[in-house]
Amino acid sequence: MSVGKERKHEIVEKFGAGAVDTGRAEVQVALLTERIVDLQRHFKENPKDFHSRRGLLKMVGKRKRMLEYLKNEDIEKYRSLIKELGLRR
């Protein structure tokens, strides 16, 4: 139910400035998105898992706040990230 080491490393390299740059908002949003998608798959198999649903809602809220921060700081990075992750159709 968690993002694998290799996948996390790929995401950090793709959205960060280097292989260990996990602090950027873009990297954190991408990692949260990956975890959210993974949890959505989990809920299709386990619809009554309400404890994990709370964690999902917290992650969605955190991602929303980070996207708002990124939007206020650099609108172009925000737009490219939204497009690349497939958010906000």
N, C-alpha and C. Protein backbone atom coordinates (compact mmCIF):
# COMPACT_ATOMS: atom_id res chain seq x y z
N MET A 1 0.82 -1.19 0.00
CA MET A 1 0.00 0.00 0.00
C MET A 1 0.87 1.26 0.00
N SER A 2 2.15 1.11 -0.01
CA SER A 2 3.00 2.29 -0.05
C SER A 2 3.76 2.32 -1.38
N VAL A 3 4.31 3.47 -1.67
CA VAL A 3 5.07 3.65 -2.90
C VAL A 3 6.41 2.95 -2.72
N GLY A 4 6.80 2.14 -3.69
CA GLY A 4 8.06 1.41 -3.60
C GLY A 4 9.27 2.33 -3.70
N LYS A 5 10.40 1.84 -3.21
CA LYS A 5 11.64 2.63 -3.21
C LYS A 5 12.02 3.09 -4.62
N GLU A 6 11.94 2.17 -5.56
CA GLU A 6 12.34 2.50 -6.93
C GLU A 6 11.42 3.56 -7.53
N ARG A 7 10.13 3.39 -7.31
CA ARG A 7 9.16 4.36 -7.85
C ARG A 7 9.35 5.73 -7.22
N LYS A 8 9.60 5.75 -5.91
CA LYS A 8 9.82 7.02 -5.22
C LYS A 8 11.08 7.70 -5.78
N HIS A 9 12.11 6.92 -6.01
CA HIS A 9 13.35 7.46 -6.56
C HIS A 9 13.12 8.05 -7.96
N GLU A 10 12.33 7.36 -8.78
CA GLU A 10 11.99 7.87 -10.12
C GLU A 10 11.26 9.21 -10.04
N ILE A 11 10.30 9.30 -9.13
CA ILE A 11 9.52 10.53 -8.99
C ILE A 11 10.41 11.68 -8.52
N VAL A 12 11.29 11.41 -7.56
CA VAL A 12 12.18 12.45 -7.05
C VAL A 12 13.11 12.94 -8.16
N GLU A 13 13.65 12.03 -8.94
CA GLU A 13 14.53 12.44 -10.05
C GLU A 13 13.78 13.22 -11.11
N LYS A 14 12.53 12.84 -11.38
CA LYS A 14 11.75 13.49 -12.43
C LYS A 14 11.34 14.91 -12.05
N PHE A 15 10.88 15.10 -10.81
CA PHE A 15 10.33 16.38 -10.41
C PHE A 15 11.29 17.25 -9.59
N GLY A 16 12.37 16.66 -9.08
CA GLY A 16 13.32 17.41 -8.26
C GLY A 16 14.51 17.88 -9.07
N ALA A 17 15.40 18.61 -8.39
CA ALA A 17 16.61 19.11 -9.04
C ALA A 17 17.69 18.04 -9.08
N GLY A 18 17.57 17.02 -8.24
CA GLY A 18 18.54 15.94 -8.21
C GLY A 18 17.91 14.70 -7.61
N ALA A 19 18.75 13.70 -7.37
CA ALA A 19 18.25 12.42 -6.88
C ALA A 19 17.82 12.46 -5.42
N VAL A 20 18.29 13.47 -4.67
CA VAL A 20 17.96 13.53 -3.25
C VAL A 20 17.16 14.78 -2.89
N ASP A 21 16.62 15.46 -3.87
CA ASP A 21 15.88 16.70 -3.66
C ASP A 21 14.41 16.40 -3.39
N THR A 22 14.10 16.05 -2.14
CA THR A 22 12.73 15.70 -1.79
C THR A 22 11.96 16.85 -1.17
N GLY A 23 12.58 17.98 -1.00
CA GLY A 23 11.95 19.09 -0.32
C GLY A 23 11.10 19.99 -1.19
N ARG A 24 11.29 19.94 -2.49
CA ARG A 24 10.52 20.81 -3.38
C ARG A 24 9.05 20.46 -3.33
N ALA A 25 8.23 21.48 -3.47
CA ALA A 25 6.78 21.28 -3.44
C ALA A 25 6.35 20.35 -4.57
N GLU A 26 6.97 20.48 -5.73
CA GLU A 26 6.59 19.64 -6.87
C GLU A 26 6.81 18.17 -6.57
N VAL A 27 7.94 17.86 -5.93
CA VAL A 27 8.26 16.47 -5.59
C VAL A 27 7.25 15.95 -4.57
N GLN A 28 6.97 16.75 -3.55
CA GLN A 28 6.05 16.32 -2.51
C GLN A 28 4.64 16.10 -3.05
N VAL A 29 4.20 16.97 -3.95
CA VAL A 29 2.87 16.81 -4.55
C VAL A 29 2.84 15.53 -5.40
N ALA A 30 3.89 15.29 -6.16
CA ALA A 30 3.94 14.09 -7.00
C ALA A 30 3.93 12.82 -6.14
N LEU A 31 4.68 12.82 -5.03
CA LEU A 31 4.70 11.66 -4.15
C LEU A 31 3.33 11.45 -3.48
N LEU A 32 2.71 12.54 -3.05
CA LEU A 32 1.37 12.42 -2.46
C LEU A 32 0.37 11.89 -3.48
N THR A 33 0.47 12.36 -4.71
CA THR A 33 -0.43 11.89 -5.76
C THR A 33 -0.27 10.40 -5.98
N GLU A 34 0.96 9.93 -5.98
CA GLU A 34 1.23 8.50 -6.17
C GLU A 34 0.61 7.69 -5.03
N ARG A 35 0.76 8.17 -3.80
CA ARG A 35 0.19 7.46 -2.65
C ARG A 35 -1.33 7.50 -2.68
N ILE A 36 -1.91 8.61 -3.11
CA ILE A 36 -3.36 8.74 -3.19
C ILE A 36 -3.92 7.76 -4.22
N VAL A 37 -3.29 7.67 -5.37
CA VAL A 37 -3.73 6.73 -6.41
C VAL A 37 -3.64 5.30 -5.90
N ASP A 38 -2.56 5.00 -5.18
CA ASP A 38 -2.37 3.66 -4.62
C ASP A 38 -3.48 3.34 -3.61
N LEU A 39 -3.83 4.31 -2.78
CA LEU A 39 -4.90 4.09 -1.80
C LEU A 39 -6.26 3.94 -2.48
N GLN A 40 -6.47 4.65 -3.57
CA GLN A 40 -7.74 4.51 -4.28
C GLN A 40 -7.91 3.09 -4.81
N ARG A 41 -6.80 2.50 -5.28
CA ARG A 41 -6.86 1.11 -5.73
C ARG A 41 -7.19 0.19 -4.55
N HIS A 42 -6.60 0.49 -3.39
CA HIS A 42 -6.84 -0.30 -2.19
C HIS A 42 -8.32 -0.28 -1.81
N PHE A 43 -8.96 0.88 -1.94
CA PHE A 43 -10.36 1.01 -1.55
C PHE A 43 -11.31 0.30 -2.50
N LYS A 44 -10.89 0.05 -3.71
CA LYS A 44 -11.74 -0.72 -4.62
C LYS A 44 -11.87 -2.17 -4.13
N GLU A 45 -10.79 -2.68 -3.52
CA GLU A 45 -10.81 -4.04 -2.99
C GLU A 45 -11.34 -4.09 -1.56
N ASN A 46 -11.18 -3.00 -0.81
CA ASN A 46 -11.55 -2.96 0.61
C ASN A 46 -12.43 -1.74 0.88
N PRO A 47 -13.68 -1.77 0.47
CA PRO A 47 -14.53 -0.58 0.59
C PRO A 47 -14.88 -0.20 2.03
N LYS A 48 -14.71 -1.11 2.98
CA LYS A 48 -15.09 -0.82 4.37
C LYS A 48 -13.90 -0.39 5.23
N ASP A 49 -12.76 -0.12 4.62
CA ASP A 49 -11.57 0.28 5.37
C ASP A 49 -11.64 1.78 5.67
N PHE A 50 -12.37 2.11 6.72
CA PHE A 50 -12.62 3.51 7.04
C PHE A 50 -11.42 4.18 7.72
N HIS A 51 -10.59 3.40 8.40
CA HIS A 51 -9.42 3.98 9.06
C HIS A 51 -8.41 4.49 8.03
N SER A 52 -8.21 3.75 6.98
CA SER A 52 -7.30 4.20 5.92
C SER A 52 -7.91 5.35 5.13
N ARG A 53 -9.21 5.41 5.06
CA ARG A 53 -9.89 6.50 4.35
C ARG A 53 -9.58 7.85 4.99
N ARG A 54 -9.47 7.86 6.33
CA ARG A 54 -9.12 9.09 7.02
C ARG A 54 -7.72 9.56 6.60
N GLY A 55 -6.79 8.62 6.50
CA GLY A 55 -5.44 8.95 6.04
C GLY A 55 -5.46 9.49 4.62
N LEU A 56 -6.30 8.91 3.78
CA LEU A 56 -6.43 9.38 2.40
C LEU A 56 -6.92 10.83 2.38
N LEU A 57 -7.93 11.13 3.20
CA LEU A 57 -8.47 12.48 3.23
C LEU A 57 -7.43 13.49 3.72
N LYS A 58 -6.60 13.07 4.67
CA LYS A 58 -5.54 13.95 5.16
C LYS A 58 -4.51 14.21 4.05
N MET A 59 -4.19 13.17 3.29
CA MET A 59 -3.23 13.33 2.18
C MET A 59 -3.79 14.25 1.11
N VAL A 60 -5.07 14.10 0.79
CA VAL A 60 -5.70 14.95 -0.22
C VAL A 60 -5.67 16.41 0.24
N GLY A 61 -5.94 16.64 1.51
CA GLY A 61 -5.90 18.00 2.04
C GLY A 61 -4.51 18.60 2.01
N LYS A 62 -3.52 17.79 2.35
CA LYS A 62 -2.13 18.26 2.32
C LYS A 62 -1.71 18.59 0.89
N ARG A 63 -2.09 17.73 -0.05
CA ARG A 63 -1.75 17.99 -1.45
C ARG A 63 -2.42 19.27 -1.94
N LYS A 64 -3.65 19.49 -1.52
CA LYS A 64 -4.37 20.70 -1.91
C LYS A 64 -3.66 21.95 -1.39
N ARG A 65 -3.22 21.91 -0.14
CA ARG A 65 -2.50 23.05 0.43
C ARG A 65 -1.18 23.29 -0.28
N MET A 66 -0.47 22.21 -0.60
CA MET A 66 0.82 22.36 -1.28
C MET A 66 0.63 22.91 -2.70
N LEU A 67 -0.42 22.47 -3.37
CA LEU A 67 -0.71 23.00 -4.70
C LEU A 67 -1.06 24.48 -4.63
N GLU A 68 -1.79 24.87 -3.61
CA GLU A 68 -2.13 26.29 -3.43
C GLU A 68 -0.86 27.12 -3.20
N TYR A 69 0.06 26.59 -2.40
CA TYR A 69 1.34 27.26 -2.16
C TYR A 69 2.10 27.41 -3.47
N LEU A 70 2.19 26.34 -4.22
CA LEU A 70 2.92 26.37 -5.49
C LEU A 70 2.28 27.35 -6.46
N LYS A 71 0.97 27.39 -6.47
CA LYS A 71 0.24 28.31 -7.35
C LYS A 71 0.58 29.77 -7.01
N ASN A 72 0.69 30.07 -5.72
CA ASN A 72 1.02 31.43 -5.29
C ASN A 72 2.48 31.78 -5.55
N GLU A 73 3.38 30.79 -5.49
CA GLU A 73 4.81 31.05 -5.66
C GLU A 73 5.21 31.13 -7.13
N ASP A 74 4.78 30.14 -7.93
CA ASP A 74 5.20 30.09 -9.34
C ASP A 74 4.09 29.43 -10.16
N ILE A 75 3.30 30.25 -10.82
CA ILE A 75 2.12 29.76 -11.53
C ILE A 75 2.49 28.85 -12.70
N GLU A 76 3.62 29.08 -13.34
CA GLU A 76 4.03 28.23 -14.47
C GLU A 76 4.39 26.82 -14.00
N LYS A 77 5.13 26.71 -12.89
CA LYS A 77 5.46 25.39 -12.34
C LYS A 77 4.17 24.67 -11.94
N TYR A 78 3.25 25.42 -11.37
CA TYR A 78 1.96 24.86 -10.95
C TYR A 78 1.21 24.28 -12.15
N ARG A 79 1.12 25.07 -13.22
CA ARG A 79 0.39 24.62 -14.41
C ARG A 79 1.03 23.39 -15.04
N SER A 80 2.37 23.39 -15.13
CA SER A 80 3.04 22.24 -15.74
C SER A 80 2.89 20.99 -14.87
N LEU A 81 2.93 21.17 -13.55
CA LEU A 81 2.77 20.02 -12.65
C LEU A 81 1.37 19.44 -12.74
N ILE A 82 0.37 20.30 -12.77
CA ILE A 82 -1.02 19.86 -12.89
C ILE A 82 -1.21 19.07 -14.18
N LYS A 83 -0.64 19.58 -15.26
CA LYS A 83 -0.78 18.91 -16.55
C LYS A 83 -0.07 17.56 -16.55
N GLU A 84 1.14 17.53 -15.98
CA GLU A 84 1.93 16.31 -16.00
C GLU A 84 1.32 15.20 -15.11
N LEU A 85 0.74 15.61 -13.99
CA LEU A 85 0.16 14.62 -13.08
C LEU A 85 -1.27 14.26 -13.47
N GLY A 86 -1.87 15.03 -14.36
CA GLY A 86 -3.23 14.74 -14.79
C GLY A 86 -4.29 15.14 -13.77
N LEU A 87 -4.02 16.20 -13.02
CA LEU A 87 -4.97 16.68 -12.03
C LEU A 87 -5.82 17.79 -12.62
N ARG A 88 -6.93 18.08 -12.01
CA ARG A 88 -7.79 19.21 -12.38
C ARG A 88 -8.14 19.25 -13.85
N ARG A 89 -8.98 18.38 -14.27
CA ARG A 89 -9.35 18.30 -15.69
C ARG A 89 -10.13 19.50 -16.13
